[in-house]
Amino acid sequence: LKPQVGNNVTGQLVISRTTGALVANT
């Protein structure tokens, strides 16, 4: 797992995304 230079990458274990609220002060 070696991201290319200049690419925006997230945690390499992430497969897909959704949306949601986060708990404040966490």
mmCIF file of all heavy atoms, coordinates in Angstrom:
data_MODEL
# 
_entry.id   MODEL 
# 
loop_
_atom_site.group_PDB 
_atom_site.id 
_atom_site.type_symbol 
_atom_site.label_atom_id 
_atom_site.label_alt_id 
_atom_site.label_comp_id 
_atom_site.label_asym_id 
_atom_site.label_entity_id 
_atom_site.label_seq_id 
_atom_site.pdbx_PDB_ins_code 
_atom_site.Cartn_x 
_atom_site.Cartn_y 
_atom_site.Cartn_z 
_atom_site.occupancy 
_atom_site.B_iso_or_equiv 
_atom_site.pdbx_formal_charge 
_atom_site.auth_seq_id 
_atom_site.auth_comp_id 
_atom_site.auth_asym_id 
_atom_site.auth_atom_id 
_atom_site.pdbx_PDB_model_num 
ATOM 1   N N   . LEU A 1 1  ? 0.836   -1.189 0.000  1.00 0.00 ? 1  LEU A N   1 
ATOM 2   C CA  . LEU A 1 1  ? 0.000   0.000  0.000  1.00 0.00 ? 1  LEU A CA  1 
ATOM 3   C C   . LEU A 1 1  ? 0.876   1.246  0.000  1.00 0.00 ? 1  LEU A C   1 
ATOM 4   O O   . LEU A 1 1  ? 1.354   1.683  1.029  1.00 0.00 ? 1  LEU A O   1 
ATOM 5   C CB  . LEU A 1 1  ? -0.918  0.012  1.221  1.00 0.00 ? 1  LEU A CB  1 
ATOM 6   C CG  . LEU A 1 1  ? -1.943  -1.110 1.296  1.00 0.00 ? 1  LEU A CG  1 
ATOM 7   C CD1 . LEU A 1 1  ? -2.790  -0.951 2.542  1.00 0.00 ? 1  LEU A CD1 1 
ATOM 8   C CD2 . LEU A 1 1  ? -2.826  -1.109 0.072  1.00 0.00 ? 1  LEU A CD2 1 
ATOM 9   N N   . LYS A 1 2  ? 1.081   1.830  -1.179 1.00 0.00 ? 2  LYS A N   1 
ATOM 10  C CA  . LYS A 1 2  ? 1.912   3.019  -1.301 1.00 0.00 ? 2  LYS A CA  1 
ATOM 11  C C   . LYS A 1 2  ? 1.175   4.040  -2.150 1.00 0.00 ? 2  LYS A C   1 
ATOM 12  O O   . LYS A 1 2  ? 1.176   3.965  -3.375 1.00 0.00 ? 2  LYS A O   1 
ATOM 13  C CB  . LYS A 1 2  ? 3.264   2.675  -1.921 1.00 0.00 ? 2  LYS A CB  1 
ATOM 14  C CG  . LYS A 1 2  ? 4.206   3.870  -2.012 1.00 0.00 ? 2  LYS A CG  1 
ATOM 15  C CD  . LYS A 1 2  ? 5.560   3.469  -2.570 1.00 0.00 ? 2  LYS A CD  1 
ATOM 16  C CE  . LYS A 1 2  ? 6.474   4.678  -2.685 1.00 0.00 ? 2  LYS A CE  1 
ATOM 17  N NZ  . LYS A 1 2  ? 7.801   4.301  -3.219 1.00 0.00 ? 2  LYS A NZ  1 
ATOM 18  N N   . PRO A 1 3  ? 0.530   5.031  -1.533 1.00 0.00 ? 3  PRO A N   1 
ATOM 19  C CA  . PRO A 1 3  ? -0.174  6.056  -2.302 1.00 0.00 ? 3  PRO A CA  1 
ATOM 20  C C   . PRO A 1 3  ? 0.788   6.817  -3.199 1.00 0.00 ? 3  PRO A C   1 
ATOM 21  O O   . PRO A 1 3  ? 1.963   7.015  -2.860 1.00 0.00 ? 3  PRO A O   1 
ATOM 22  C CB  . PRO A 1 3  ? -0.754  6.975  -1.223 1.00 0.00 ? 3  PRO A CB  1 
ATOM 23  C CG  . PRO A 1 3  ? -0.765  6.149  0.017  1.00 0.00 ? 3  PRO A CG  1 
ATOM 24  C CD  . PRO A 1 3  ? 0.392   5.222  -0.087 1.00 0.00 ? 3  PRO A CD  1 
ATOM 25  N N   . GLN A 1 4  ? 0.290   7.259  -4.341 1.00 0.00 ? 4  GLN A N   1 
ATOM 26  C CA  . GLN A 1 4  ? 1.108   8.037  -5.247 1.00 0.00 ? 4  GLN A CA  1 
ATOM 27  C C   . GLN A 1 4  ? 1.332   9.441  -4.693 1.00 0.00 ? 4  GLN A C   1 
ATOM 28  O O   . GLN A 1 4  ? 0.453   10.020 -4.048 1.00 0.00 ? 4  GLN A O   1 
ATOM 29  C CB  . GLN A 1 4  ? 0.447   8.131  -6.618 1.00 0.00 ? 4  GLN A CB  1 
ATOM 30  C CG  . GLN A 1 4  ? 0.391   6.802  -7.361 1.00 0.00 ? 4  GLN A CG  1 
ATOM 31  C CD  . GLN A 1 4  ? -0.216  6.952  -8.743 1.00 0.00 ? 4  GLN A CD  1 
ATOM 32  O OE1 . GLN A 1 4  ? -0.757  7.987  -9.085 1.00 0.00 ? 4  GLN A OE1 1 
ATOM 33  N NE2 . GLN A 1 4  ? -0.121  5.906  -9.529 1.00 0.00 ? 4  GLN A NE2 1 
ATOM 34  N N   . VAL A 1 5  ? 2.498   9.991  -4.957 1.00 0.00 ? 5  VAL A N   1 
ATOM 35  C CA  . VAL A 1 5  ? 2.801   11.354 -4.542 1.00 0.00 ? 5  VAL A CA  1 
ATOM 36  C C   . VAL A 1 5  ? 1.804   12.315 -5.192 1.00 0.00 ? 5  VAL A C   1 
ATOM 37  O O   . VAL A 1 5  ? 1.508   12.218 -6.386 1.00 0.00 ? 5  VAL A O   1 
ATOM 38  C CB  . VAL A 1 5  ? 4.243   11.723 -4.945 1.00 0.00 ? 5  VAL A CB  1 
ATOM 39  C CG1 . VAL A 1 5  ? 4.490   13.222 -4.764 1.00 0.00 ? 5  VAL A CG1 1 
ATOM 40  C CG2 . VAL A 1 5  ? 5.239   10.918 -4.126 1.00 0.00 ? 5  VAL A CG2 1 
ATOM 41  N N   . GLY A 1 6  ? 1.253   13.216 -4.401 1.00 0.00 ? 6  GLY A N   1 
ATOM 42  C CA  . GLY A 1 6  ? 0.325   14.223 -4.900 1.00 0.00 ? 6  GLY A CA  1 
ATOM 43  C C   . GLY A 1 6  ? -1.128  13.828 -4.832 1.00 0.00 ? 6  GLY A C   1 
ATOM 44  O O   . GLY A 1 6  ? -2.006  14.685 -4.973 1.00 0.00 ? 6  GLY A O   1 
ATOM 45  N N   . ASN A 1 7  ? -1.414  12.537 -4.628 1.00 0.00 ? 7  ASN A N   1 
ATOM 46  C CA  . ASN A 1 7  ? -2.809  12.104 -4.510 1.00 0.00 ? 7  ASN A CA  1 
ATOM 47  C C   . ASN A 1 7  ? -3.350  12.372 -3.111 1.00 0.00 ? 7  ASN A C   1 
ATOM 48  O O   . ASN A 1 7  ? -2.630  12.250 -2.116 1.00 0.00 ? 7  ASN A O   1 
ATOM 49  C CB  . ASN A 1 7  ? -2.937  10.606 -4.808 1.00 0.00 ? 7  ASN A CB  1 
ATOM 50  C CG  . ASN A 1 7  ? -2.974  10.312 -6.285 1.00 0.00 ? 7  ASN A CG  1 
ATOM 51  O OD1 . ASN A 1 7  ? -2.999  11.219 -7.119 1.00 0.00 ? 7  ASN A OD1 1 
ATOM 52  N ND2 . ASN A 1 7  ? -2.962  9.035  -6.641 1.00 0.00 ? 7  ASN A ND2 1 
ATOM 53  N N   . ASN A 1 8  ? -4.619  12.723 -3.034 1.00 0.00 ? 8  ASN A N   1 
ATOM 54  C CA  . ASN A 1 8  ? -5.286  12.851 -1.747 1.00 0.00 ? 8  ASN A CA  1 
ATOM 55  C C   . ASN A 1 8  ? -5.795  11.479 -1.333 1.00 0.00 ? 8  ASN A C   1 
ATOM 56  O O   . ASN A 1 8  ? -6.601  10.872 -2.027 1.00 0.00 ? 8  ASN A O   1 
ATOM 57  C CB  . ASN A 1 8  ? -6.454  13.838 -1.843 1.00 0.00 ? 8  ASN A CB  1 
ATOM 58  C CG  . ASN A 1 8  ? -7.079  14.093 -0.493 1.00 0.00 ? 8  ASN A CG  1 
ATOM 59  O OD1 . ASN A 1 8  ? -6.392  14.474 0.444  1.00 0.00 ? 8  ASN A OD1 1 
ATOM 60  N ND2 . ASN A 1 8  ? -8.371  13.879 -0.390 1.00 0.00 ? 8  ASN A ND2 1 
ATOM 61  N N   . VAL A 1 9  ? -5.302  10.951 -0.227 1.00 0.00 ? 9  VAL A N   1 
ATOM 62  C CA  . VAL A 1 9  ? -5.662  9.599  0.209  1.00 0.00 ? 9  VAL A CA  1 
ATOM 63  C C   . VAL A 1 9  ? -6.157  9.652  1.647  1.00 0.00 ? 9  VAL A C   1 
ATOM 64  O O   . VAL A 1 9  ? -5.815  10.546 2.420  1.00 0.00 ? 9  VAL A O   1 
ATOM 65  C CB  . VAL A 1 9  ? -4.467  8.624  0.099  1.00 0.00 ? 9  VAL A CB  1 
ATOM 66  C CG1 . VAL A 1 9  ? -4.044  8.467  -1.332 1.00 0.00 ? 9  VAL A CG1 1 
ATOM 67  C CG2 . VAL A 1 9  ? -3.305  9.095  0.962  1.00 0.00 ? 9  VAL A CG2 1 
ATOM 68  N N   . THR A 1 10 ? -6.981  8.679  1.993  1.00 0.00 ? 10 THR A N   1 
ATOM 69  C CA  . THR A 1 10 ? -7.446  8.565  3.363  1.00 0.00 ? 10 THR A CA  1 
ATOM 70  C C   . THR A 1 10 ? -6.864  7.277  3.948  1.00 0.00 ? 10 THR A C   1 
ATOM 71  O O   . THR A 1 10 ? -5.957  6.697  3.373  1.00 0.00 ? 10 THR A O   1 
ATOM 72  C CB  . THR A 1 10 ? -8.987  8.585  3.410  1.00 0.00 ? 10 THR A CB  1 
ATOM 73  O OG1 . THR A 1 10 ? -9.402  8.565  4.779  1.00 0.00 ? 10 THR A OG1 1 
ATOM 74  C CG2 . THR A 1 10 ? -9.603  7.434  2.657  1.00 0.00 ? 10 THR A CG2 1 
ATOM 75  N N   . GLY A 1 11 ? -7.352  6.870  5.130  1.00 0.00 ? 11 GLY A N   1 
ATOM 76  C CA  . GLY A 1 11 ? -6.872  5.623  5.702  1.00 0.00 ? 11 GLY A CA  1 
ATOM 77  C C   . GLY A 1 11 ? -6.973  4.501  4.682  1.00 0.00 ? 11 GLY A C   1 
ATOM 78  O O   . GLY A 1 11 ? -8.037  4.284  4.097  1.00 0.00 ? 11 GLY A O   1 
ATOM 79  N N   . GLN A 1 12 ? -5.874  3.793  4.443  1.00 0.00 ? 12 GLN A N   1 
ATOM 80  C CA  . GLN A 1 12 ? -5.849  2.828  3.345  1.00 0.00 ? 12 GLN A CA  1 
ATOM 81  C C   . GLN A 1 12 ? -6.796  1.665  3.518  1.00 0.00 ? 12 GLN A C   1 
ATOM 82  O O   . GLN A 1 12 ? -6.997  0.888  2.588  1.00 0.00 ? 12 GLN A O   1 
ATOM 83  C CB  . GLN A 1 12 ? -4.418  2.298  3.141  1.00 0.00 ? 12 GLN A CB  1 
ATOM 84  C CG  . GLN A 1 12 ? -3.482  3.314  2.507  1.00 0.00 ? 12 GLN A CG  1 
ATOM 85  C CD  . GLN A 1 12 ? -2.659  4.036  3.542  1.00 0.00 ? 12 GLN A CD  1 
ATOM 86  O OE1 . GLN A 1 12 ? -3.156  4.347  4.616  1.00 0.00 ? 12 GLN A OE1 1 
ATOM 87  N NE2 . GLN A 1 12 ? -1.416  4.320  3.236  1.00 0.00 ? 12 GLN A NE2 1 
ATOM 88  N N   . LEU A 1 13 ? -7.423  1.534  4.686  1.00 0.00 ? 13 LEU A N   1 
ATOM 89  C CA  . LEU A 1 13 ? -8.369  0.453  4.894  1.00 0.00 ? 13 LEU A CA  1 
ATOM 90  C C   . LEU A 1 13 ? -9.793  0.854  4.521  1.00 0.00 ? 13 LEU A C   1 
ATOM 91  O O   . LEU A 1 13 ? -10.693 0.028  4.524  1.00 0.00 ? 13 LEU A O   1 
ATOM 92  C CB  . LEU A 1 13 ? -8.333  -0.003 6.358  1.00 0.00 ? 13 LEU A CB  1 
ATOM 93  C CG  . LEU A 1 13 ? -6.976  -0.521 6.837  1.00 0.00 ? 13 LEU A CG  1 
ATOM 94  C CD1 . LEU A 1 13 ? -7.057  -0.934 8.291  1.00 0.00 ? 13 LEU A CD1 1 
ATOM 95  C CD2 . LEU A 1 13 ? -6.490  -1.671 5.987  1.00 0.00 ? 13 LEU A CD2 1 
ATOM 96  N N   . VAL A 1 14 ? -10.020 2.138  4.199  1.00 0.00 ? 14 VAL A N   1 
ATOM 97  C CA  . VAL A 1 14 ? -11.354 2.613  3.857  1.00 0.00 ? 14 VAL A CA  1 
ATOM 98  C C   . VAL A 1 14 ? -11.744 2.122  2.467  1.00 0.00 ? 14 VAL A C   1 
ATOM 99  O O   . VAL A 1 14 ? -10.966 2.216  1.519  1.00 0.00 ? 14 VAL A O   1 
ATOM 100 C CB  . VAL A 1 14 ? -11.427 4.146  3.910  1.00 0.00 ? 14 VAL A CB  1 
ATOM 101 C CG1 . VAL A 1 14 ? -12.786 4.644  3.418  1.00 0.00 ? 14 VAL A CG1 1 
ATOM 102 C CG2 . VAL A 1 14 ? -11.168 4.638  5.329  1.00 0.00 ? 14 VAL A CG2 1 
ATOM 103 N N   . ILE A 1 15 ? -12.964 1.586  2.339  1.00 0.00 ? 15 ILE A N   1 
ATOM 104 C CA  . ILE A 1 15 ? -13.459 1.084  1.063  1.00 0.00 ? 15 ILE A CA  1 
ATOM 105 C C   . ILE A 1 15 ? -14.522 2.006  0.480  1.00 0.00 ? 15 ILE A C   1 
ATOM 106 O O   . ILE A 1 15 ? -14.508 2.310  -0.708 1.00 0.00 ? 15 ILE A O   1 
ATOM 107 C CB  . ILE A 1 15 ? -14.005 -0.343 1.222  1.00 0.00 ? 15 ILE A CB  1 
ATOM 108 C CG1 . ILE A 1 15 ? -12.856 -1.291 1.597  1.00 0.00 ? 15 ILE A CG1 1 
ATOM 109 C CG2 . ILE A 1 15 ? -14.689 -0.814 -0.064 1.00 0.00 ? 15 ILE A CG2 1 
ATOM 110 C CD1 . ILE A 1 15 ? -13.309 -2.694 1.927  1.00 0.00 ? 15 ILE A CD1 1 
ATOM 111 N N   . SER A 1 16 ? -15.472 2.468  1.280  1.00 0.00 ? 16 SER A N   1 
ATOM 112 C CA  . SER A 1 16 ? -16.524 3.345  0.773  1.00 0.00 ? 16 SER A CA  1 
ATOM 113 C C   . SER A 1 16 ? -16.947 4.317  1.866  1.00 0.00 ? 16 SER A C   1 
ATOM 114 O O   . SER A 1 16 ? -16.589 4.162  3.031  1.00 0.00 ? 16 SER A O   1 
ATOM 115 C CB  . SER A 1 16 ? -17.727 2.528  0.288  1.00 0.00 ? 16 SER A CB  1 
ATOM 116 O OG  . SER A 1 16 ? -18.289 1.773  1.348  1.00 0.00 ? 16 SER A OG  1 
ATOM 117 N N   . ARG A 1 17 ? -17.734 5.341  1.471  1.00 0.00 ? 17 ARG A N   1 
ATOM 118 C CA  . ARG A 1 17 ? -18.080 6.390  2.413  1.00 0.00 ? 17 ARG A CA  1 
ATOM 119 C C   . ARG A 1 17 ? -19.583 6.650  2.443  1.00 0.00 ? 17 ARG A C   1 
ATOM 120 O O   . ARG A 1 17 ? -20.342 6.310  1.548  1.00 0.00 ? 17 ARG A O   1 
ATOM 121 C CB  . ARG A 1 17 ? -17.339 7.673  2.070  1.00 0.00 ? 17 ARG A CB  1 
ATOM 122 C CG  . ARG A 1 17 ? -17.667 8.273  0.691  1.00 0.00 ? 17 ARG A CG  1 
ATOM 123 C CD  . ARG A 1 17 ? -18.754 9.308  0.775  1.00 0.00 ? 17 ARG A CD  1 
ATOM 124 N NE  . ARG A 1 17 ? -19.040 9.940  -0.496 1.00 0.00 ? 17 ARG A NE  1 
ATOM 125 C CZ  . ARG A 1 17 ? -20.123 10.655 -0.744 1.00 0.00 ? 17 ARG A CZ  1 
ATOM 126 N NH1 . ARG A 1 17 ? -21.036 10.811 0.195  1.00 0.00 ? 17 ARG A NH1 1 
ATOM 127 N NH2 . ARG A 1 17 ? -20.324 11.206 -1.924 1.00 0.00 ? 17 ARG A NH2 1 
ATOM 128 N N   . THR A 1 18 ? -20.009 7.319  3.547  1.00 0.00 ? 18 THR A N   1 
ATOM 129 C CA  . THR A 1 18 ? -21.355 7.819  3.698  1.00 0.00 ? 18 THR A CA  1 
ATOM 130 C C   . THR A 1 18 ? -21.234 9.187  4.343  1.00 0.00 ? 18 THR A C   1 
ATOM 131 O O   . THR A 1 18 ? -20.168 9.821  4.279  1.00 0.00 ? 18 THR A O   1 
ATOM 132 C CB  . THR A 1 18 ? -22.220 6.856  4.540  1.00 0.00 ? 18 THR A CB  1 
ATOM 133 O OG1 . THR A 1 18 ? -23.562 7.314  4.580  1.00 0.00 ? 18 THR A OG1 1 
ATOM 134 C CG2 . THR A 1 18 ? -21.681 6.683  5.948  1.00 0.00 ? 18 THR A CG2 1 
ATOM 135 N N   . THR A 1 19 ? -22.297 9.700  4.951  1.00 0.00 ? 19 THR A N   1 
ATOM 136 C CA  . THR A 1 19 ? -22.215 10.953 5.689  1.00 0.00 ? 19 THR A CA  1 
ATOM 137 C C   . THR A 1 19 ? -22.883 10.770 7.043  1.00 0.00 ? 19 THR A C   1 
ATOM 138 O O   . THR A 1 19 ? -23.747 9.911  7.215  1.00 0.00 ? 19 THR A O   1 
ATOM 139 C CB  . THR A 1 19 ? -22.915 12.108 4.939  1.00 0.00 ? 19 THR A CB  1 
ATOM 140 O OG1 . THR A 1 19 ? -24.297 11.761 4.733  1.00 0.00 ? 19 THR A OG1 1 
ATOM 141 C CG2 . THR A 1 19 ? -22.251 12.365 3.608  1.00 0.00 ? 19 THR A CG2 1 
ATOM 142 N N   . GLY A 1 20 ? -22.459 11.563 8.014  1.00 0.00 ? 20 GLY A N   1 
ATOM 143 C CA  . GLY A 1 20 ? -23.064 11.451 9.327  1.00 0.00 ? 20 GLY A CA  1 
ATOM 144 C C   . GLY A 1 20 ? -22.515 12.481 10.294 1.00 0.00 ? 20 GLY A C   1 
ATOM 145 O O   . GLY A 1 20 ? -21.487 13.123 10.018 1.00 0.00 ? 20 GLY A O   1 
ATOM 146 N N   . ALA A 1 21 ? -23.182 12.642 11.406 1.00 0.00 ? 21 ALA A N   1 
ATOM 147 C CA  . ALA A 1 21 ? -22.747 13.571 12.449 1.00 0.00 ? 21 ALA A CA  1 
ATOM 148 C C   . ALA A 1 21 ? -21.706 12.900 13.338 1.00 0.00 ? 21 ALA A C   1 
ATOM 149 O O   . ALA A 1 21 ? -21.695 11.676 13.513 1.00 0.00 ? 21 ALA A O   1 
ATOM 150 C CB  . ALA A 1 21 ? -23.931 14.026 13.281 1.00 0.00 ? 21 ALA A CB  1 
ATOM 151 N N   . LEU A 1 22 ? -20.825 13.707 13.892 1.00 0.00 ? 22 LEU A N   1 
ATOM 152 C CA  . LEU A 1 22 ? -19.840 13.236 14.856 1.00 0.00 ? 22 LEU A CA  1 
ATOM 153 C C   . LEU A 1 22 ? -20.244 13.717 16.249 1.00 0.00 ? 22 LEU A C   1 
ATOM 154 O O   . LEU A 1 22 ? -20.901 14.744 16.392 1.00 0.00 ? 22 LEU A O   1 
ATOM 155 C CB  . LEU A 1 22 ? -18.452 13.772 14.503 1.00 0.00 ? 22 LEU A CB  1 
ATOM 156 C CG  . LEU A 1 22 ? -17.925 13.422 13.105 1.00 0.00 ? 22 LEU A CG  1 
ATOM 157 C CD1 . LEU A 1 22 ? -16.573 14.086 12.888 1.00 0.00 ? 22 LEU A CD1 1 
ATOM 158 C CD2 . LEU A 1 22 ? -17.836 11.916 12.913 1.00 0.00 ? 22 LEU A CD2 1 
ATOM 159 N N   . VAL A 1 23 ? -19.844 12.979 17.255 1.00 0.00 ? 23 VAL A N   1 
ATOM 160 C CA  . VAL A 1 23 ? -20.139 13.366 18.631 1.00 0.00 ? 23 VAL A CA  1 
ATOM 161 C C   . VAL A 1 23 ? -19.182 14.479 19.042 1.00 0.00 ? 23 VAL A C   1 
ATOM 162 O O   . VAL A 1 23 ? -17.962 14.347 18.890 1.00 0.00 ? 23 VAL A O   1 
ATOM 163 C CB  . VAL A 1 23 ? -20.005 12.163 19.583 1.00 0.00 ? 23 VAL A CB  1 
ATOM 164 C CG1 . VAL A 1 23 ? -20.275 12.591 21.022 1.00 0.00 ? 23 VAL A CG1 1 
ATOM 165 C CG2 . VAL A 1 23 ? -20.954 11.053 19.171 1.00 0.00 ? 23 VAL A CG2 1 
ATOM 166 N N   . ALA A 1 24 ? -19.730 15.589 19.518 1.00 0.00 ? 24 ALA A N   1 
ATOM 167 C CA  . ALA A 1 24 ? -18.885 16.695 19.953 1.00 0.00 ? 24 ALA A CA  1 
ATOM 168 C C   . ALA A 1 24 ? -18.003 16.262 21.123 1.00 0.00 ? 24 ALA A C   1 
ATOM 169 O O   . ALA A 1 24 ? -18.375 15.409 21.927 1.00 0.00 ? 24 ALA A O   1 
ATOM 170 C CB  . ALA A 1 24 ? -19.741 17.888 20.352 1.00 0.00 ? 24 ALA A CB  1 
ATOM 171 N N   . ASN A 1 25 ? -16.816 16.856 21.195 1.00 0.00 ? 25 ASN A N   1 
ATOM 172 C CA  . ASN A 1 25 ? -15.876 16.590 22.287 1.00 0.00 ? 25 ASN A CA  1 
ATOM 173 C C   . ASN A 1 25 ? -15.527 15.111 22.371 1.00 0.00 ? 25 ASN A C   1 
ATOM 174 O O   . ASN A 1 25 ? -15.478 14.519 23.455 1.00 0.00 ? 25 ASN A O   1 
ATOM 175 C CB  . ASN A 1 25 ? -16.443 17.101 23.613 1.00 0.00 ? 25 ASN A CB  1 
ATOM 176 C CG  . ASN A 1 25 ? -16.694 18.599 23.591 1.00 0.00 ? 25 ASN A CG  1 
ATOM 177 O OD1 . ASN A 1 25 ? -15.833 19.373 23.169 1.00 0.00 ? 25 ASN A OD1 1 
ATOM 178 N ND2 . ASN A 1 25 ? -17.871 19.004 24.011 1.00 0.00 ? 25 ASN A ND2 1 
ATOM 179 N N   . THR A 1 26 ? -15.294 14.534 21.198 1.00 0.00 ? 26 THR A N   1 
ATOM 180 C CA  . THR A 1 26 ? -14.863 13.141 21.083 1.00 0.00 ? 26 THR A CA  1 
ATOM 181 C C   . THR A 1 26 ? -13.700 13.091 20.104 1.00 0.00 ? 26 THR A C   1 
ATOM 182 O O   . THR A 1 26 ? -13.789 13.610 18.992 1.00 0.00 ? 26 THR A O   1 
ATOM 183 C CB  . THR A 1 26 ? -16.002 12.246 20.588 1.00 0.00 ? 26 THR A CB  1 
ATOM 184 O OG1 . THR A 1 26 ? -17.063 12.265 21.547 1.00 0.00 ? 26 THR A OG1 1 
ATOM 185 C CG2 . THR A 1 26 ? -15.536 10.818 20.374 1.00 0.00 ? 26 THR A CG2 1 
# 
